[in-house]
Amino acid sequence: MMAAAAWLELPYPEAAVIEEETLEEQVASQRRNLPALPLVLGGCCCAHVGAVRGLAGRPGRLAVIWVDAHGDLNTPESSPSGNTWGMPLRMVLDAADVRPEDVALVGTRNLDSSEVAYLATVEVDEDIGRALDGCGRVYVAFDCDVLRPEEVAVFVPEPGGWTLPEAEALLRDVAERCTLAGLGLTGLSAGADAAVATRLARAAGL
């Protein structure tokens, strides 16, 4: 799914298209090919894992703003569906790629009970200021299903959500408050309007 979304026609030079058989190979390839300021396009939110892991290895404390209609906080043991794309934020937290206190989860409106229980044990909430405090860089993991379903075609639409102008305002605010280390746009289906991705990227300053 990551490769399918990567073929969206955007006015940016393409650094790499990642097509690997396993998530481990995908993450390793992302880390090898990660440019100085990455714009990651993917179908599944697992596309963020390699970006976060690669950026976390660079100098400076990294914040992650995870924008998603879903929590992405399950594990193989807790997931009701077993789908890997419901686990990537938990992956980077459990691997200590980023500290919980440096993470904000915003726009979420559909959490599994296991995710609610996990959030009660860690310092992760929707407070962007808290996540950015003390960090010199920020990666924004933006799943487009946080938008209203009528705004853009996504894999897992959820009722309600943000308008595109509201999402642009959030991205501008984050970019004004902290140095952008990268932006990932995921959840897009193959038929998504590329203009939406372009608007989001430009709002973040890319």
Protein backbone atom coordinates (compact mmCIF):
# COMPACT_ATOMS: atom_id res chain seq x y z
CA MET A 1 0.00 0.00 0.00
CA MET A 2 2.86 2.35 0.67
CA ALA A 3 4.11 2.12 -2.90
CA ALA A 4 0.64 2.69 -4.36
CA ALA A 5 0.29 6.05 -2.62
CA ALA A 6 3.86 6.99 -3.57
CA TRP A 7 2.81 7.27 -7.20
CA LEU A 8 0.57 10.26 -6.52
CA GLU A 9 1.69 13.06 -8.81
CA LEU A 10 3.05 15.78 -6.54
CA PRO A 11 5.30 18.71 -7.50
CA TYR A 12 8.25 17.35 -5.48
CA PRO A 13 11.33 15.41 -6.63
CA GLU A 14 10.98 11.74 -5.81
CA ALA A 15 13.78 10.39 -3.63
CA ALA A 16 12.74 6.75 -3.45
CA VAL A 17 9.80 4.39 -3.88
CA ILE A 18 9.85 1.70 -1.21
CA GLU A 19 8.51 -1.68 -2.31
CA GLU A 20 9.53 -4.44 0.08
CA GLU A 21 8.05 -7.80 1.05
CA THR A 22 8.14 -7.28 4.82
CA LEU A 23 7.74 -4.38 7.22
CA GLU A 24 11.27 -4.97 8.53
CA GLU A 25 12.69 -4.61 5.01
CA GLN A 26 10.53 -1.55 4.38
CA VAL A 27 11.78 0.15 7.55
CA ALA A 28 15.41 -0.66 6.74
CA SER A 29 15.02 0.68 3.19
CA GLN A 30 13.39 3.87 4.44
CA ARG A 31 16.23 4.50 6.85
CA ARG A 32 18.80 4.03 4.06
CA ASN A 33 16.97 6.35 1.67
CA LEU A 34 15.74 8.99 4.11
CA PRO A 35 16.58 12.48 2.79
CA ALA A 36 17.43 15.48 4.96
CA LEU A 37 13.79 16.64 5.07
CA PRO A 38 11.56 13.71 4.11
CA LEU A 39 8.04 13.86 2.72
CA VAL A 40 6.75 10.32 3.19
CA LEU A 41 3.72 9.11 1.24
CA GLY A 42 2.08 5.85 2.19
CA GLY A 43 -1.11 3.90 2.32
CA CYS A 44 -0.53 2.24 5.67
CA CYS A 45 0.69 4.19 8.72
CA CYS A 46 3.54 1.70 9.02
CA ALA A 47 5.20 4.02 6.50
CA HIS A 48 5.94 6.29 9.48
CA VAL A 49 7.98 3.69 11.36
CA GLY A 50 11.09 3.89 9.21
CA ALA A 51 10.87 7.67 9.06
CA VAL A 52 10.63 8.06 12.83
CA ARG A 53 13.37 5.50 13.41
CA GLY A 54 15.69 7.17 10.92
CA LEU A 55 15.03 10.69 12.19
CA ALA A 56 15.41 9.61 15.83
CA GLY A 57 18.97 8.55 15.04
CA ARG A 58 19.91 12.07 13.99
CA PRO A 59 21.15 14.77 16.42
CA GLY A 60 18.58 16.53 18.56
CA ARG A 61 15.55 15.46 20.54
CA LEU A 62 12.65 14.47 18.28
CA ALA A 63 8.96 15.08 18.92
CA VAL A 64 6.28 13.18 17.04
CA ILE A 65 2.82 14.60 16.39
CA TRP A 66 0.65 11.62 15.36
CA VAL A 67 -2.48 12.88 13.61
CA ASP A 68 -4.94 10.06 13.05
CA ALA A 69 -8.58 9.09 13.43
CA HIS A 70 -7.28 5.88 15.05
CA GLY A 71 -4.81 5.29 17.85
CA ASP A 72 -2.40 2.91 16.07
CA LEU A 73 -1.46 1.73 19.56
CA ASN A 74 -2.27 -1.96 19.43
CA THR A 75 0.12 -4.89 19.67
CA PRO A 76 -0.25 -8.31 18.02
CA GLU A 77 -1.64 -9.54 21.35
CA SER A 78 -4.11 -6.69 21.95
CA SER A 79 -5.33 -6.01 18.42
CA PRO A 80 -8.96 -7.02 17.76
CA SER A 81 -8.24 -7.34 14.02
CA GLY A 82 -4.60 -8.38 13.90
CA ASN A 83 -3.94 -5.70 11.28
CA THR A 84 -0.38 -4.35 11.45
CA TRP A 85 -1.54 -0.89 10.39
CA GLY A 86 -3.20 -0.54 13.79
CA MET A 87 0.17 -0.84 15.57
CA PRO A 88 2.81 1.60 14.19
CA LEU A 89 2.69 4.26 16.92
CA ARG A 90 2.98 1.52 19.54
CA MET A 91 5.92 0.09 17.57
CA VAL A 92 7.97 3.28 17.78
CA LEU A 93 7.05 3.78 21.44
CA ASP A 94 7.88 0.22 22.47
CA ALA A 95 11.17 0.40 20.56
CA ALA A 96 12.02 3.66 22.37
CA ASP A 97 12.52 5.43 19.05
CA VAL A 98 10.73 8.36 20.68
CA ARG A 99 9.78 9.07 24.29
CA PRO A 100 6.07 9.01 25.22
CA GLU A 101 6.36 12.51 26.68
CA ASP A 102 7.52 13.72 23.26
CA VAL A 103 4.45 12.34 21.46
CA ALA A 104 1.01 13.90 20.92
CA LEU A 105 -1.88 11.91 19.47
CA VAL A 106 -4.42 14.29 17.95
CA GLY A 107 -7.62 14.03 15.95
CA THR A 108 -8.36 10.54 17.23
CA ARG A 109 -12.02 9.54 17.32
CA ASN A 110 -11.98 5.72 17.20
CA LEU A 111 -9.94 3.92 19.87
CA ASP A 112 -10.04 0.25 20.82
CA SER A 113 -10.50 -0.51 24.52
CA SER A 114 -6.95 -1.87 24.68
CA GLU A 115 -5.63 1.43 23.32
CA VAL A 116 -7.59 3.40 25.91
CA ALA A 117 -6.09 1.18 28.63
CA TYR A 118 -2.58 1.70 27.26
CA LEU A 119 -2.96 5.49 27.10
CA ALA A 120 -3.82 5.48 30.78
CA THR A 121 -0.30 4.18 31.50
CA VAL A 122 1.81 6.56 29.38
CA GLU A 123 2.26 10.31 28.97
CA VAL A 124 0.66 10.50 25.54
CA ASP A 125 -2.33 12.78 24.94
CA GLU A 126 -3.40 15.47 22.49
CA ASP A 127 -1.31 18.24 24.04
CA ILE A 128 0.99 19.36 21.22
CA GLY A 129 2.72 21.96 23.41
CA ARG A 130 3.70 19.30 25.93
CA ALA A 131 5.11 17.05 23.20
CA LEU A 132 7.14 19.86 21.64
CA ASP A 133 8.51 21.14 24.95
CA GLY A 134 12.25 20.50 25.08
CA CYS A 135 12.40 19.11 21.53
CA GLY A 136 14.30 20.78 18.73
CA ARG A 137 12.70 18.85 15.86
CA VAL A 138 9.30 17.39 15.03
CA TYR A 139 8.02 14.71 12.68
CA VAL A 140 4.32 14.93 11.83
CA ALA A 141 2.72 11.57 11.06
CA PHE A 142 -0.51 12.60 9.34
CA ASP A 143 -3.07 9.93 8.47
CA CYS A 144 -5.54 11.53 6.10
CA ASP A 145 -8.41 9.59 7.67
CA VAL A 146 -8.38 12.33 10.32
CA LEU A 147 -10.13 14.43 7.66
CA ARG A 148 -13.84 14.24 6.96
CA PRO A 149 -14.53 11.40 4.48
CA GLU A 150 -15.76 13.85 1.84
CA GLU A 151 -12.43 15.71 1.86
CA VAL A 152 -10.23 12.93 0.39
CA ALA A 153 -10.33 9.22 -0.49
CA VAL A 154 -8.77 7.12 2.30
CA PHE A 155 -8.53 3.43 3.18
CA VAL A 156 -10.40 3.56 6.49
CA PRO A 157 -12.80 6.53 6.55
CA GLU A 158 -14.37 7.52 9.87
CA PRO A 159 -17.46 9.71 10.32
CA GLY A 160 -16.78 13.28 11.38
CA GLY A 161 -13.28 14.67 11.50
CA TRP A 162 -11.48 17.79 10.38
CA THR A 163 -11.95 19.99 7.36
CA LEU A 164 -8.94 20.50 5.12
CA PRO A 165 -8.50 24.14 6.29
CA GLU A 166 -8.48 22.94 9.91
CA ALA A 167 -5.76 20.42 9.10
CA GLU A 168 -3.72 23.05 7.26
CA ALA A 169 -3.97 25.36 10.27
CA LEU A 170 -2.64 22.65 12.59
CA LEU A 171 0.31 21.89 10.31
CA ARG A 172 1.19 25.58 10.00
CA ASP A 173 1.02 25.93 13.79
CA VAL A 174 3.32 22.97 14.42
CA ALA A 175 5.83 24.15 11.80
CA GLU A 176 5.89 27.63 13.35
CA ARG A 177 6.54 26.25 16.84
CA CYS A 178 9.28 23.73 16.06
CA THR A 179 11.74 22.85 13.29
CA LEU A 180 10.09 20.36 10.95
CA ALA A 181 12.15 17.18 10.64
CA GLY A 182 9.72 15.55 8.22
CA LEU A 183 6.10 14.98 7.27
CA GLY A 184 4.34 11.72 6.48
CA LEU A 185 0.98 11.58 4.70
CA THR A 186 -0.70 8.19 4.94
CA GLY A 187 -4.11 6.58 4.66
CA LEU A 188 -4.51 7.80 1.08
CA SER A 189 -6.15 5.42 -1.35
CA ALA A 190 -4.94 5.10 -4.94
CA GLY A 191 -7.81 7.35 -6.12
CA ALA A 192 -7.02 10.18 -3.72
CA ASP A 193 -6.85 13.73 -5.05
CA ALA A 194 -3.17 14.66 -5.12
CA ALA A 195 -4.09 18.31 -4.59
CA VAL A 196 -5.06 17.49 -0.99
CA ALA A 197 -1.62 16.02 -0.28
CA THR A 198 0.02 19.03 -1.91
CA ARG A 199 -1.98 21.46 0.21
CA LEU A 200 -1.05 19.60 3.41
CA ALA A 201 2.62 19.49 2.50
CA ARG A 202 2.70 23.18 1.69
CA ALA A 203 0.91 24.05 4.93
CA ALA A 204 3.77 22.31 6.75
CA GLY A 205 6.28 24.37 4.80
CA LEU A 206 7.45 21.73 2.31
